[in-house]
N, C-alpha and C. Protein backbone atom coordinates (compact mmCIF):
# COMPACT_ATOMS: atom_id res chain seq x y z
N MET A 1 0.99 18.11 11.47
CA MET A 1 1.81 16.91 11.31
C MET A 1 3.13 17.29 10.65
N ASN A 2 4.22 16.80 11.20
CA ASN A 2 5.53 17.10 10.62
C ASN A 2 5.73 16.28 9.36
N SER A 3 6.43 16.85 8.42
CA SER A 3 6.74 16.17 7.18
C SER A 3 8.23 16.26 6.93
N LYS A 4 8.72 15.34 6.12
CA LYS A 4 10.15 15.34 5.85
C LYS A 4 10.55 16.56 5.05
N HIS A 5 9.64 17.09 4.26
CA HIS A 5 9.95 18.25 3.42
C HIS A 5 8.98 19.38 3.75
N PRO A 6 9.04 19.97 4.95
CA PRO A 6 8.04 20.98 5.33
C PRO A 6 8.15 22.27 4.56
N SER A 7 9.32 22.60 4.04
CA SER A 7 9.46 23.92 3.42
C SER A 7 10.16 23.88 2.07
N LYS A 8 10.34 22.71 1.49
CA LYS A 8 11.02 22.63 0.20
C LYS A 8 10.11 23.15 -0.91
N PRO A 9 10.62 24.00 -1.78
CA PRO A 9 9.81 24.48 -2.90
C PRO A 9 9.53 23.34 -3.87
N MET A 10 8.45 23.49 -4.63
CA MET A 10 8.02 22.43 -5.54
C MET A 10 9.09 22.07 -6.56
N ALA A 11 9.86 23.06 -7.01
CA ALA A 11 10.89 22.77 -8.00
C ALA A 11 11.92 21.78 -7.46
N GLU A 12 12.27 21.94 -6.18
CA GLU A 12 13.24 21.02 -5.58
C GLU A 12 12.64 19.64 -5.38
N LEU A 13 11.36 19.60 -4.96
CA LEU A 13 10.68 18.31 -4.82
C LEU A 13 10.59 17.62 -6.18
N TYR A 14 10.35 18.40 -7.23
CA TYR A 14 10.27 17.82 -8.57
C TYR A 14 11.62 17.21 -8.97
N ARG A 15 12.70 17.90 -8.71
CA ARG A 15 14.02 17.36 -9.06
C ARG A 15 14.28 16.06 -8.30
N GLU A 16 13.94 16.05 -7.02
CA GLU A 16 14.14 14.83 -6.25
C GLU A 16 13.22 13.71 -6.73
N GLY A 17 11.97 14.06 -7.02
CA GLY A 17 11.02 13.06 -7.49
C GLY A 17 11.40 12.50 -8.84
N ARG A 18 11.86 13.37 -9.74
CA ARG A 18 12.28 12.89 -11.06
C ARG A 18 13.47 11.95 -10.94
N LYS A 19 14.43 12.30 -10.07
CA LYS A 19 15.60 11.45 -9.87
C LYS A 19 15.18 10.08 -9.33
N HIS A 20 14.25 10.10 -8.36
CA HIS A 20 13.80 8.84 -7.79
C HIS A 20 13.05 8.00 -8.82
N PHE A 21 12.22 8.65 -9.64
CA PHE A 21 11.47 7.92 -10.65
C PHE A 21 12.40 7.27 -11.67
N ILE A 22 13.42 7.98 -12.07
CA ILE A 22 14.38 7.44 -13.05
C ILE A 22 15.16 6.27 -12.45
N GLU A 23 15.39 6.31 -11.13
CA GLU A 23 16.05 5.17 -10.47
C GLU A 23 15.17 3.93 -10.51
N LEU A 24 13.87 4.12 -10.45
CA LEU A 24 12.93 3.00 -10.48
C LEU A 24 12.66 2.51 -11.89
N VAL A 25 12.54 3.44 -12.84
CA VAL A 25 12.19 3.11 -14.23
C VAL A 25 13.32 3.58 -15.14
N PRO A 26 14.05 2.67 -15.77
CA PRO A 26 15.22 3.05 -16.57
C PRO A 26 14.96 4.12 -17.62
N ASP A 27 13.82 4.06 -18.30
CA ASP A 27 13.48 5.07 -19.30
C ASP A 27 12.56 6.13 -18.72
N GLY A 28 12.63 6.30 -17.39
CA GLY A 28 11.69 7.18 -16.70
C GLY A 28 11.73 8.62 -17.15
N GLY A 29 12.93 9.15 -17.43
CA GLY A 29 13.03 10.53 -17.86
C GLY A 29 12.29 10.78 -19.15
N ALA A 30 12.48 9.90 -20.11
CA ALA A 30 11.80 10.04 -21.40
C ALA A 30 10.29 9.88 -21.23
N ARG A 31 9.87 8.96 -20.36
CA ARG A 31 8.44 8.75 -20.14
C ARG A 31 7.79 9.99 -19.55
N LEU A 32 8.46 10.60 -18.58
CA LEU A 32 7.91 11.81 -17.96
C LEU A 32 7.84 12.96 -18.96
N ASP A 33 8.89 13.11 -19.75
CA ASP A 33 8.92 14.19 -20.73
C ASP A 33 7.79 14.04 -21.75
N ALA A 34 7.55 12.79 -22.17
CA ALA A 34 6.50 12.54 -23.15
C ALA A 34 5.11 12.74 -22.54
N LEU A 35 4.94 12.24 -21.31
CA LEU A 35 3.63 12.30 -20.66
C LEU A 35 3.21 13.75 -20.37
N PHE A 36 4.16 14.58 -19.95
CA PHE A 36 3.83 15.95 -19.54
C PHE A 36 4.37 16.99 -20.53
N HIS A 37 4.51 16.59 -21.79
CA HIS A 37 5.05 17.51 -22.80
C HIS A 37 4.18 18.75 -22.94
N THR A 38 2.87 18.56 -22.95
CA THR A 38 1.96 19.69 -23.14
C THR A 38 1.69 20.44 -21.84
N ALA A 39 1.80 19.74 -20.70
CA ALA A 39 1.49 20.36 -19.40
C ALA A 39 2.64 20.14 -18.43
N PRO A 40 3.79 20.81 -18.68
CA PRO A 40 4.95 20.60 -17.80
C PRO A 40 4.70 21.03 -16.35
N GLY A 41 3.84 22.03 -16.14
CA GLY A 41 3.53 22.43 -14.78
C GLY A 41 2.82 21.33 -14.01
N LEU A 42 1.94 20.61 -14.69
CA LEU A 42 1.26 19.47 -14.07
C LEU A 42 2.26 18.39 -13.71
N GLY A 43 3.24 18.18 -14.61
CA GLY A 43 4.28 17.19 -14.34
C GLY A 43 5.08 17.55 -13.10
N GLU A 44 5.38 18.84 -12.96
CA GLU A 44 6.14 19.28 -11.78
C GLU A 44 5.35 19.01 -10.51
N LEU A 45 4.05 19.29 -10.54
CA LEU A 45 3.22 19.04 -9.36
C LEU A 45 3.10 17.55 -9.07
N ALA A 46 2.75 16.77 -10.09
CA ALA A 46 2.50 15.34 -9.89
C ALA A 46 3.76 14.60 -9.45
N VAL A 47 4.85 14.82 -10.15
CA VAL A 47 6.10 14.12 -9.82
C VAL A 47 6.65 14.61 -8.49
N GLY A 48 6.54 15.92 -8.24
CA GLY A 48 7.04 16.47 -6.99
C GLY A 48 6.30 15.93 -5.78
N VAL A 49 4.97 15.82 -5.89
CA VAL A 49 4.18 15.34 -4.76
C VAL A 49 4.34 13.83 -4.57
N VAL A 50 4.17 13.07 -5.68
CA VAL A 50 4.15 11.61 -5.55
C VAL A 50 5.54 11.04 -5.31
N TYR A 51 6.53 11.47 -6.11
CA TYR A 51 7.86 10.84 -6.01
C TYR A 51 8.87 11.69 -5.25
N GLY A 52 8.59 12.98 -5.10
CA GLY A 52 9.50 13.81 -4.32
C GLY A 52 9.14 13.86 -2.86
N HIS A 53 7.82 13.85 -2.57
CA HIS A 53 7.38 13.96 -1.18
C HIS A 53 6.86 12.63 -0.62
N LEU A 54 5.80 12.07 -1.23
CA LEU A 54 5.17 10.89 -0.66
C LEU A 54 6.12 9.70 -0.58
N GLN A 55 6.89 9.47 -1.64
CA GLN A 55 7.77 8.30 -1.66
C GLN A 55 8.87 8.39 -0.63
N SER A 56 9.19 9.59 -0.17
CA SER A 56 10.27 9.74 0.80
C SER A 56 9.77 9.73 2.25
N ARG A 57 8.47 9.69 2.45
CA ARG A 57 7.94 9.64 3.82
C ARG A 57 8.28 8.30 4.44
N PRO A 58 8.74 8.29 5.70
CA PRO A 58 9.22 7.06 6.31
C PRO A 58 8.13 6.16 6.88
N GLY A 59 6.87 6.60 6.84
CA GLY A 59 5.82 5.84 7.51
C GLY A 59 5.49 4.51 6.87
N LEU A 60 5.74 4.35 5.56
CA LEU A 60 5.47 3.10 4.85
C LEU A 60 6.71 2.68 4.10
N ASP A 61 6.92 1.37 3.98
CA ASP A 61 8.02 0.91 3.14
C ASP A 61 7.58 0.99 1.68
N PRO A 62 8.52 0.99 0.72
CA PRO A 62 8.16 1.18 -0.69
C PRO A 62 7.16 0.15 -1.21
N ARG A 63 7.29 -1.11 -0.80
CA ARG A 63 6.35 -2.15 -1.28
C ARG A 63 4.93 -1.83 -0.84
N LEU A 64 4.75 -1.50 0.43
CA LEU A 64 3.41 -1.23 0.93
C LEU A 64 2.84 0.04 0.31
N ARG A 65 3.68 1.04 0.10
CA ARG A 65 3.20 2.28 -0.51
C ARG A 65 2.74 2.03 -1.95
N GLU A 66 3.50 1.24 -2.69
CA GLU A 66 3.09 0.94 -4.06
C GLU A 66 1.85 0.06 -4.09
N ALA A 67 1.72 -0.86 -3.13
CA ALA A 67 0.52 -1.69 -3.07
C ALA A 67 -0.72 -0.82 -2.84
N ALA A 68 -0.61 0.13 -1.91
CA ALA A 68 -1.73 1.03 -1.64
C ALA A 68 -2.06 1.87 -2.87
N THR A 69 -1.02 2.30 -3.57
CA THR A 69 -1.23 3.11 -4.78
C THR A 69 -1.94 2.30 -5.86
N LEU A 70 -1.50 1.06 -6.04
CA LEU A 70 -2.11 0.22 -7.07
C LEU A 70 -3.59 -0.01 -6.78
N VAL A 71 -3.93 -0.28 -5.53
CA VAL A 71 -5.34 -0.49 -5.17
C VAL A 71 -6.15 0.80 -5.39
N ALA A 72 -5.56 1.95 -5.07
CA ALA A 72 -6.26 3.21 -5.30
C ALA A 72 -6.50 3.45 -6.78
N ILE A 73 -5.54 3.06 -7.61
CA ILE A 73 -5.70 3.20 -9.06
C ILE A 73 -6.84 2.34 -9.56
N VAL A 74 -6.93 1.10 -9.06
CA VAL A 74 -8.03 0.22 -9.44
C VAL A 74 -9.36 0.83 -9.00
N ALA A 75 -9.40 1.34 -7.77
CA ALA A 75 -10.63 1.92 -7.24
C ALA A 75 -11.10 3.12 -8.06
N ALA A 76 -10.15 3.88 -8.57
CA ALA A 76 -10.50 5.07 -9.36
C ALA A 76 -10.77 4.74 -10.83
N GLY A 77 -10.54 3.49 -11.22
CA GLY A 77 -10.78 3.10 -12.61
C GLY A 77 -9.77 3.67 -13.58
N MET A 78 -8.54 3.94 -13.10
CA MET A 78 -7.51 4.54 -13.95
C MET A 78 -6.69 3.45 -14.63
N THR A 79 -7.05 3.10 -15.87
CA THR A 79 -6.35 2.05 -16.58
C THR A 79 -5.39 2.60 -17.64
N GLY A 80 -5.12 3.89 -17.58
CA GLY A 80 -4.19 4.51 -18.53
C GLY A 80 -2.80 4.62 -17.94
N PRO A 81 -2.14 5.78 -18.12
CA PRO A 81 -0.76 5.97 -17.64
C PRO A 81 -0.57 5.67 -16.15
N PRO A 82 -1.48 6.05 -15.24
CA PRO A 82 -1.22 5.73 -13.83
C PRO A 82 -0.99 4.25 -13.58
N LEU A 83 -1.78 3.40 -14.22
CA LEU A 83 -1.62 1.96 -14.02
C LEU A 83 -0.30 1.47 -14.60
N SER A 84 0.01 1.88 -15.83
CA SER A 84 1.25 1.40 -16.46
C SER A 84 2.48 1.91 -15.72
N VAL A 85 2.42 3.15 -15.23
CA VAL A 85 3.56 3.71 -14.49
C VAL A 85 3.77 2.96 -13.18
N HIS A 86 2.69 2.78 -12.42
CA HIS A 86 2.85 2.15 -11.11
C HIS A 86 2.99 0.64 -11.20
N PHE A 87 2.65 0.06 -12.33
CA PHE A 87 3.00 -1.34 -12.58
C PHE A 87 4.53 -1.47 -12.59
N LYS A 88 5.20 -0.54 -13.25
CA LYS A 88 6.66 -0.58 -13.32
C LYS A 88 7.31 -0.20 -12.00
N THR A 89 6.82 0.87 -11.38
CA THR A 89 7.43 1.28 -10.11
C THR A 89 7.11 0.27 -9.01
N GLY A 90 5.98 -0.40 -9.11
CA GLY A 90 5.65 -1.44 -8.15
C GLY A 90 6.63 -2.59 -8.22
N MET A 91 6.94 -3.04 -9.44
CA MET A 91 7.93 -4.11 -9.60
C MET A 91 9.29 -3.65 -9.12
N ALA A 92 9.66 -2.41 -9.44
CA ALA A 92 10.96 -1.90 -9.02
C ALA A 92 11.05 -1.75 -7.51
N SER A 93 9.91 -1.59 -6.86
CA SER A 93 9.89 -1.45 -5.40
C SER A 93 9.78 -2.79 -4.68
N GLY A 94 9.72 -3.88 -5.43
CA GLY A 94 9.74 -5.20 -4.81
C GLY A 94 8.44 -5.95 -4.78
N LEU A 95 7.41 -5.49 -5.50
CA LEU A 95 6.18 -6.26 -5.60
C LEU A 95 6.35 -7.36 -6.64
N ALA A 96 5.95 -8.56 -6.30
CA ALA A 96 5.96 -9.66 -7.26
C ALA A 96 4.76 -9.54 -8.19
N SER A 97 4.87 -10.09 -9.39
CA SER A 97 3.76 -10.00 -10.34
C SER A 97 2.51 -10.65 -9.78
N GLY A 98 2.67 -11.77 -9.08
CA GLY A 98 1.52 -12.43 -8.48
C GLY A 98 0.87 -11.60 -7.40
N GLU A 99 1.67 -10.80 -6.68
CA GLU A 99 1.11 -9.92 -5.66
C GLU A 99 0.26 -8.83 -6.29
N MET A 100 0.68 -8.32 -7.44
CA MET A 100 -0.11 -7.30 -8.12
C MET A 100 -1.48 -7.86 -8.53
N VAL A 101 -1.48 -9.06 -9.05
CA VAL A 101 -2.74 -9.68 -9.43
C VAL A 101 -3.61 -9.93 -8.21
N GLU A 102 -2.99 -10.36 -7.12
CA GLU A 102 -3.74 -10.59 -5.88
C GLU A 102 -4.35 -9.29 -5.36
N LEU A 103 -3.62 -8.18 -5.49
CA LEU A 103 -4.14 -6.87 -5.07
C LEU A 103 -5.36 -6.47 -5.89
N VAL A 104 -5.31 -6.71 -7.20
CA VAL A 104 -6.46 -6.39 -8.06
C VAL A 104 -7.65 -7.26 -7.68
N THR A 105 -7.40 -8.54 -7.41
CA THR A 105 -8.47 -9.45 -7.00
C THR A 105 -9.09 -9.00 -5.69
N GLN A 106 -8.26 -8.62 -4.73
CA GLN A 106 -8.75 -8.13 -3.44
C GLN A 106 -9.57 -6.85 -3.63
N ALA A 107 -9.08 -5.95 -4.46
CA ALA A 107 -9.78 -4.68 -4.67
C ALA A 107 -11.13 -4.86 -5.33
N SER A 108 -11.29 -5.92 -6.12
CA SER A 108 -12.53 -6.10 -6.87
C SER A 108 -13.75 -6.19 -5.96
N ALA A 109 -13.55 -6.76 -4.76
CA ALA A 109 -14.69 -6.92 -3.85
C ALA A 109 -15.19 -5.59 -3.30
N PHE A 110 -14.34 -4.57 -3.36
CA PHE A 110 -14.69 -3.28 -2.76
C PHE A 110 -14.87 -2.17 -3.80
N THR A 111 -14.23 -2.32 -4.96
CA THR A 111 -14.33 -1.30 -5.99
C THR A 111 -15.36 -1.65 -7.05
N GLY A 112 -15.76 -2.92 -7.11
CA GLY A 112 -16.68 -3.37 -8.14
C GLY A 112 -15.94 -4.11 -9.24
N PHE A 113 -16.60 -5.11 -9.80
CA PHE A 113 -15.95 -5.93 -10.82
C PHE A 113 -15.64 -5.19 -12.12
N PRO A 114 -16.50 -4.26 -12.58
CA PRO A 114 -16.16 -3.59 -13.85
C PRO A 114 -14.79 -2.93 -13.83
N ARG A 115 -14.46 -2.22 -12.77
CA ARG A 115 -13.16 -1.55 -12.72
C ARG A 115 -12.02 -2.56 -12.59
N ALA A 116 -12.24 -3.61 -11.79
CA ALA A 116 -11.20 -4.62 -11.65
C ALA A 116 -10.99 -5.37 -12.96
N VAL A 117 -12.07 -5.66 -13.68
CA VAL A 117 -11.95 -6.36 -14.96
C VAL A 117 -11.22 -5.48 -15.98
N ALA A 118 -11.52 -4.19 -15.98
CA ALA A 118 -10.82 -3.27 -16.88
C ALA A 118 -9.33 -3.25 -16.56
N THR A 119 -8.99 -3.31 -15.28
CA THR A 119 -7.59 -3.36 -14.87
C THR A 119 -6.95 -4.67 -15.34
N ALA A 120 -7.67 -5.78 -15.16
CA ALA A 120 -7.14 -7.08 -15.59
C ALA A 120 -6.86 -7.09 -17.08
N ASP A 121 -7.73 -6.45 -17.86
CA ASP A 121 -7.52 -6.39 -19.30
C ASP A 121 -6.24 -5.63 -19.63
N GLN A 122 -6.00 -4.54 -18.90
CA GLN A 122 -4.77 -3.77 -19.10
C GLN A 122 -3.55 -4.54 -18.62
N LEU A 123 -3.69 -5.32 -17.56
CA LEU A 123 -2.57 -6.12 -17.06
C LEU A 123 -2.10 -7.14 -18.10
N ASN A 124 -3.03 -7.65 -18.90
CA ASN A 124 -2.62 -8.58 -19.96
C ASN A 124 -1.54 -7.95 -20.84
N ARG A 125 -1.77 -6.71 -21.24
CA ARG A 125 -0.81 -6.01 -22.09
C ARG A 125 0.48 -5.71 -21.33
N LEU A 126 0.35 -5.26 -20.10
CA LEU A 126 1.53 -4.90 -19.32
C LEU A 126 2.41 -6.11 -19.04
N PHE A 127 1.80 -7.25 -18.74
CA PHE A 127 2.57 -8.48 -18.53
C PHE A 127 3.31 -8.87 -19.80
N GLU A 128 2.62 -8.77 -20.93
CA GLU A 128 3.25 -9.14 -22.21
C GLU A 128 4.41 -8.22 -22.52
N GLU A 129 4.24 -6.92 -22.33
CA GLU A 129 5.30 -5.96 -22.62
C GLU A 129 6.51 -6.17 -21.71
N ALA A 130 6.27 -6.60 -20.47
CA ALA A 130 7.35 -6.80 -19.52
C ALA A 130 7.98 -8.18 -19.63
N GLY A 131 7.42 -9.03 -20.50
CA GLY A 131 7.96 -10.38 -20.65
C GLY A 131 7.71 -11.26 -19.45
N LEU A 132 6.60 -11.02 -18.74
CA LEU A 132 6.29 -11.78 -17.54
C LEU A 132 5.38 -12.96 -17.87
N VAL A 133 5.50 -14.03 -17.09
CA VAL A 133 4.63 -15.19 -17.24
C VAL A 133 3.21 -14.80 -16.88
N SER A 134 2.26 -15.22 -17.72
CA SER A 134 0.86 -14.90 -17.47
C SER A 134 0.01 -16.17 -17.65
N PRO A 135 -0.77 -16.55 -16.65
CA PRO A 135 -0.88 -15.93 -15.32
C PRO A 135 0.41 -16.12 -14.53
N PRO A 136 0.65 -15.25 -13.55
CA PRO A 136 1.91 -15.29 -12.82
C PRO A 136 1.97 -16.48 -11.87
N PRO A 137 3.17 -16.84 -11.42
CA PRO A 137 3.28 -17.89 -10.40
C PRO A 137 2.69 -17.41 -9.09
N PRO A 138 2.46 -18.33 -8.16
CA PRO A 138 1.94 -17.92 -6.84
C PRO A 138 2.84 -16.87 -6.20
N THR A 139 2.30 -16.11 -5.29
CA THR A 139 3.09 -15.08 -4.62
C THR A 139 4.19 -15.73 -3.78
N PRO A 140 5.27 -15.00 -3.50
CA PRO A 140 6.35 -15.56 -2.66
C PRO A 140 5.83 -16.06 -1.30
N ARG A 141 4.90 -15.32 -0.72
CA ARG A 141 4.35 -15.74 0.57
C ARG A 141 3.61 -17.06 0.44
N GLU A 142 2.83 -17.20 -0.62
CA GLU A 142 2.07 -18.43 -0.84
C GLU A 142 3.01 -19.62 -1.05
N VAL A 143 4.05 -19.41 -1.84
CA VAL A 143 5.03 -20.48 -2.09
C VAL A 143 5.70 -20.89 -0.78
N THR A 144 6.08 -19.90 0.02
CA THR A 144 6.79 -20.19 1.27
C THR A 144 5.90 -20.92 2.26
N LEU A 145 4.66 -20.49 2.42
CA LEU A 145 3.76 -21.15 3.35
C LEU A 145 3.48 -22.59 2.93
N ALA A 146 3.34 -22.81 1.63
CA ALA A 146 3.13 -24.18 1.13
C ALA A 146 4.36 -25.04 1.42
N PHE A 147 5.54 -24.45 1.25
CA PHE A 147 6.79 -25.16 1.54
C PHE A 147 6.84 -25.54 3.02
N CYS A 148 6.54 -24.58 3.89
CA CYS A 148 6.58 -24.85 5.33
C CYS A 148 5.60 -25.95 5.71
N GLU A 149 4.42 -25.94 5.11
CA GLU A 149 3.43 -26.96 5.41
C GLU A 149 3.92 -28.33 4.97
N SER A 150 4.61 -28.39 3.84
CA SER A 150 5.17 -29.66 3.38
C SER A 150 6.21 -30.18 4.35
N VAL A 151 7.05 -29.28 4.86
CA VAL A 151 8.07 -29.69 5.83
C VAL A 151 7.41 -30.18 7.11
N ARG A 152 6.39 -29.48 7.55
CA ARG A 152 5.70 -29.87 8.79
C ARG A 152 5.04 -31.24 8.66
N LYS A 153 4.71 -31.61 7.42
CA LYS A 153 4.10 -32.92 7.17
C LYS A 153 5.13 -33.98 6.82
N GLY A 154 6.43 -33.60 6.88
CA GLY A 154 7.49 -34.56 6.61
C GLY A 154 7.80 -34.78 5.15
N ARG A 155 7.43 -33.82 4.30
CA ARG A 155 7.67 -33.95 2.86
C ARG A 155 8.41 -32.72 2.34
N ALA A 156 9.62 -32.51 2.79
CA ALA A 156 10.39 -31.34 2.37
C ALA A 156 10.71 -31.42 0.88
N PRO A 157 10.35 -30.39 0.09
CA PRO A 157 10.61 -30.42 -1.35
C PRO A 157 12.10 -30.37 -1.70
N ILE A 158 12.92 -29.74 -0.85
CA ILE A 158 14.36 -29.67 -1.07
C ILE A 158 15.06 -30.04 0.24
N ARG A 159 16.38 -30.15 0.19
CA ARG A 159 17.13 -30.49 1.39
C ARG A 159 16.99 -29.38 2.43
N VAL A 160 16.60 -29.76 3.61
CA VAL A 160 16.41 -28.81 4.71
C VAL A 160 17.15 -29.35 5.93
N SER A 161 17.84 -28.47 6.65
CA SER A 161 18.59 -28.91 7.82
C SER A 161 17.65 -29.49 8.88
N LEU A 162 18.18 -30.39 9.68
CA LEU A 162 17.38 -31.00 10.73
C LEU A 162 16.88 -29.96 11.72
N GLN A 163 17.69 -28.93 11.98
CA GLN A 163 17.29 -27.89 12.91
C GLN A 163 16.08 -27.12 12.40
N ILE A 164 16.08 -26.75 11.11
CA ILE A 164 14.96 -26.01 10.55
C ILE A 164 13.72 -26.91 10.49
N LYS A 165 13.90 -28.18 10.14
CA LYS A 165 12.77 -29.10 10.15
C LYS A 165 12.13 -29.15 11.53
N ARG A 166 12.97 -29.28 12.54
CA ARG A 166 12.46 -29.39 13.91
C ARG A 166 11.71 -28.12 14.32
N LEU A 167 12.29 -26.96 13.99
CA LEU A 167 11.67 -25.70 14.38
C LEU A 167 10.31 -25.51 13.70
N LEU A 168 10.23 -25.83 12.42
CA LEU A 168 8.97 -25.68 11.70
C LEU A 168 7.92 -26.66 12.21
N ARG A 169 8.33 -27.86 12.54
CA ARG A 169 7.37 -28.86 13.01
C ARG A 169 6.88 -28.57 14.42
N GLN A 170 7.76 -28.04 15.26
CA GLN A 170 7.41 -27.82 16.65
C GLN A 170 6.67 -26.50 16.88
N ALA A 171 6.77 -25.58 15.96
CA ALA A 171 6.13 -24.27 16.13
C ALA A 171 4.60 -24.44 16.22
N GLU A 172 4.00 -23.72 17.16
CA GLU A 172 2.54 -23.76 17.29
C GLU A 172 1.87 -23.01 16.15
N ARG A 173 2.53 -21.94 15.70
CA ARG A 173 1.98 -21.17 14.57
C ARG A 173 3.11 -20.46 13.84
N LEU A 174 2.84 -20.15 12.59
CA LEU A 174 3.80 -19.46 11.73
C LEU A 174 3.19 -18.16 11.23
N SER A 175 4.04 -17.15 11.07
CA SER A 175 3.62 -15.88 10.49
C SER A 175 4.61 -15.54 9.38
N ALA A 176 4.11 -15.32 8.17
CA ALA A 176 4.97 -15.08 7.01
C ALA A 176 4.78 -13.67 6.48
N GLN A 177 5.89 -13.00 6.18
CA GLN A 177 5.86 -11.64 5.66
C GLN A 177 6.83 -11.53 4.49
N ALA A 178 6.31 -11.24 3.29
CA ALA A 178 7.19 -11.02 2.14
C ALA A 178 7.88 -9.68 2.29
N THR A 179 9.17 -9.65 2.01
CA THR A 179 9.92 -8.40 2.09
C THR A 179 10.37 -7.91 0.73
N SER A 180 10.22 -8.74 -0.29
CA SER A 180 10.54 -8.36 -1.66
C SER A 180 9.85 -9.34 -2.58
N ALA A 181 10.12 -9.24 -3.87
CA ALA A 181 9.53 -10.16 -4.83
C ALA A 181 10.17 -11.54 -4.76
N ARG A 182 11.23 -11.69 -3.96
CA ARG A 182 11.93 -12.97 -3.87
C ARG A 182 12.12 -13.48 -2.44
N ASN A 183 11.86 -12.65 -1.46
CA ASN A 183 12.22 -13.02 -0.09
C ASN A 183 11.03 -12.95 0.86
N VAL A 184 10.99 -13.92 1.77
CA VAL A 184 9.93 -14.01 2.77
C VAL A 184 10.58 -14.36 4.11
N ILE A 185 10.14 -13.69 5.17
CA ILE A 185 10.57 -14.01 6.53
C ILE A 185 9.43 -14.71 7.25
N VAL A 186 9.73 -15.87 7.80
CA VAL A 186 8.74 -16.64 8.56
C VAL A 186 9.11 -16.60 10.04
N GLU A 187 8.16 -16.19 10.87
CA GLU A 187 8.33 -16.18 12.32
C GLU A 187 7.69 -17.44 12.90
N CYS A 188 8.42 -18.13 13.76
CA CYS A 188 7.91 -19.33 14.42
C CYS A 188 7.57 -18.99 15.88
N PHE A 189 6.36 -19.34 16.29
CA PHE A 189 5.89 -19.01 17.63
C PHE A 189 5.58 -20.26 18.43
N ASP A 190 5.91 -20.23 19.70
CA ASP A 190 5.42 -21.22 20.65
C ASP A 190 4.04 -20.79 21.11
N ASP A 191 3.31 -21.69 21.72
CA ASP A 191 1.98 -21.39 22.20
C ASP A 191 2.02 -20.26 23.24
N GLN A 192 1.14 -19.28 23.07
CA GLN A 192 0.96 -18.18 24.01
C GLN A 192 2.12 -17.17 24.02
N GLN A 193 3.05 -17.30 23.14
CA GLN A 193 4.17 -16.35 23.10
C GLN A 193 3.92 -15.28 22.06
N ALA A 194 4.21 -14.02 22.44
CA ALA A 194 4.03 -12.90 21.50
C ALA A 194 5.30 -12.65 20.69
N ILE A 195 6.43 -13.13 21.19
CA ILE A 195 7.71 -12.93 20.50
C ILE A 195 8.12 -14.24 19.84
N PRO A 196 8.47 -14.21 18.55
CA PRO A 196 8.84 -15.46 17.87
C PRO A 196 10.10 -16.08 18.48
N ILE A 197 10.15 -17.39 18.48
CA ILE A 197 11.33 -18.09 18.98
C ILE A 197 12.45 -18.10 17.95
N VAL A 198 12.09 -17.90 16.69
CA VAL A 198 13.09 -17.94 15.63
C VAL A 198 12.53 -17.28 14.37
N LEU A 199 13.43 -16.75 13.54
CA LEU A 199 13.07 -16.22 12.22
C LEU A 199 13.77 -17.05 11.16
N ILE A 200 13.04 -17.39 10.12
CA ILE A 200 13.61 -18.16 9.01
C ILE A 200 13.42 -17.34 7.74
N TYR A 201 14.51 -17.18 7.01
CA TYR A 201 14.55 -16.33 5.82
C TYR A 201 14.55 -17.21 4.58
N PHE A 202 13.54 -17.04 3.72
CA PHE A 202 13.36 -17.86 2.52
C PHE A 202 13.62 -17.02 1.26
N GLU A 203 14.27 -17.63 0.30
CA GLU A 203 14.42 -17.03 -1.02
C GLU A 203 13.62 -17.86 -2.01
N VAL A 204 12.81 -17.17 -2.82
CA VAL A 204 11.88 -17.84 -3.72
C VAL A 204 12.18 -17.46 -5.16
N GLU A 205 12.11 -18.43 -6.04
CA GLU A 205 12.17 -18.19 -7.48
C GLU A 205 10.97 -18.86 -8.12
N ALA A 206 10.14 -18.06 -8.77
CA ALA A 206 8.92 -18.56 -9.41
C ALA A 206 8.09 -19.34 -8.39
N GLU A 207 7.95 -20.65 -8.58
CA GLU A 207 7.09 -21.45 -7.71
C GLU A 207 7.87 -22.26 -6.69
N HIS A 208 9.15 -21.95 -6.49
CA HIS A 208 9.98 -22.82 -5.66
C HIS A 208 10.79 -22.02 -4.64
N VAL A 209 10.94 -22.58 -3.45
CA VAL A 209 11.90 -22.08 -2.47
C VAL A 209 13.27 -22.60 -2.89
N VAL A 210 14.25 -21.69 -2.99
CA VAL A 210 15.58 -22.09 -3.47
C VAL A 210 16.65 -22.00 -2.40
N SER A 211 16.39 -21.26 -1.31
CA SER A 211 17.35 -21.22 -0.22
C SER A 211 16.66 -20.83 1.07
N ILE A 212 17.24 -21.28 2.19
CA ILE A 212 16.68 -21.04 3.52
C ILE A 212 17.82 -20.68 4.46
N ARG A 213 17.60 -19.64 5.26
CA ARG A 213 18.58 -19.25 6.27
C ARG A 213 17.88 -19.08 7.60
N LEU A 214 18.56 -19.45 8.66
CA LEU A 214 18.00 -19.41 9.98
C LEU A 214 18.58 -18.24 10.77
N PHE A 215 17.71 -17.46 11.41
CA PHE A 215 18.13 -16.39 12.31
C PHE A 215 17.61 -16.73 13.69
N LYS A 216 18.51 -16.82 14.66
CA LYS A 216 18.11 -17.20 16.01
C LYS A 216 18.90 -16.41 17.01
N GLU A 217 18.21 -15.93 18.05
CA GLU A 217 18.90 -15.17 19.09
C GLU A 217 19.91 -16.06 19.79
N GLN A 218 21.12 -15.51 19.97
CA GLN A 218 22.20 -16.28 20.60
C GLN A 218 22.04 -16.27 22.12
């Protein structure tokens, strides 16, 4: 299998990974130095592989890659530095706080409740340190789908254009995909169509949709 870095030495991958980590976590350099003070060689391997190589692979977007990493951390029962580090990099990569909690809840059915509960206990501290609302607001996708359902029932929570109202009401089905901690794209489908007739872009703050934009093929 081809890789983006087939022949780069570990030292170069480490430099790239460290740079990427610091871009995600403002105090990342100090955190890495403290974490790997006694075992700098381990730091070079870990940072080089995870943030120098894996994070640069084009097969997954950063949100999905961090989501997969968070679930793997829960499955392995790692409630120490790996969880706290990827809690921060997950937020920096566009995961909403509610999405992180939803991922832990989803993982609990497959990893076992003891590990998920241990993770939840650690999340209490991480949420407090980050100044996040606990429990978090609904996920952006959940907020958006609830908003769309209200519009389809004729009870728009905010001012919505007649065109968007009509499109949401007439669509046979909707498909929603969060693209960041604040943005969701909703695809509107007619019956039996595989290609959406329109895309609607939602911006979410906490529990509310705050703006809507329409994308339509000309």
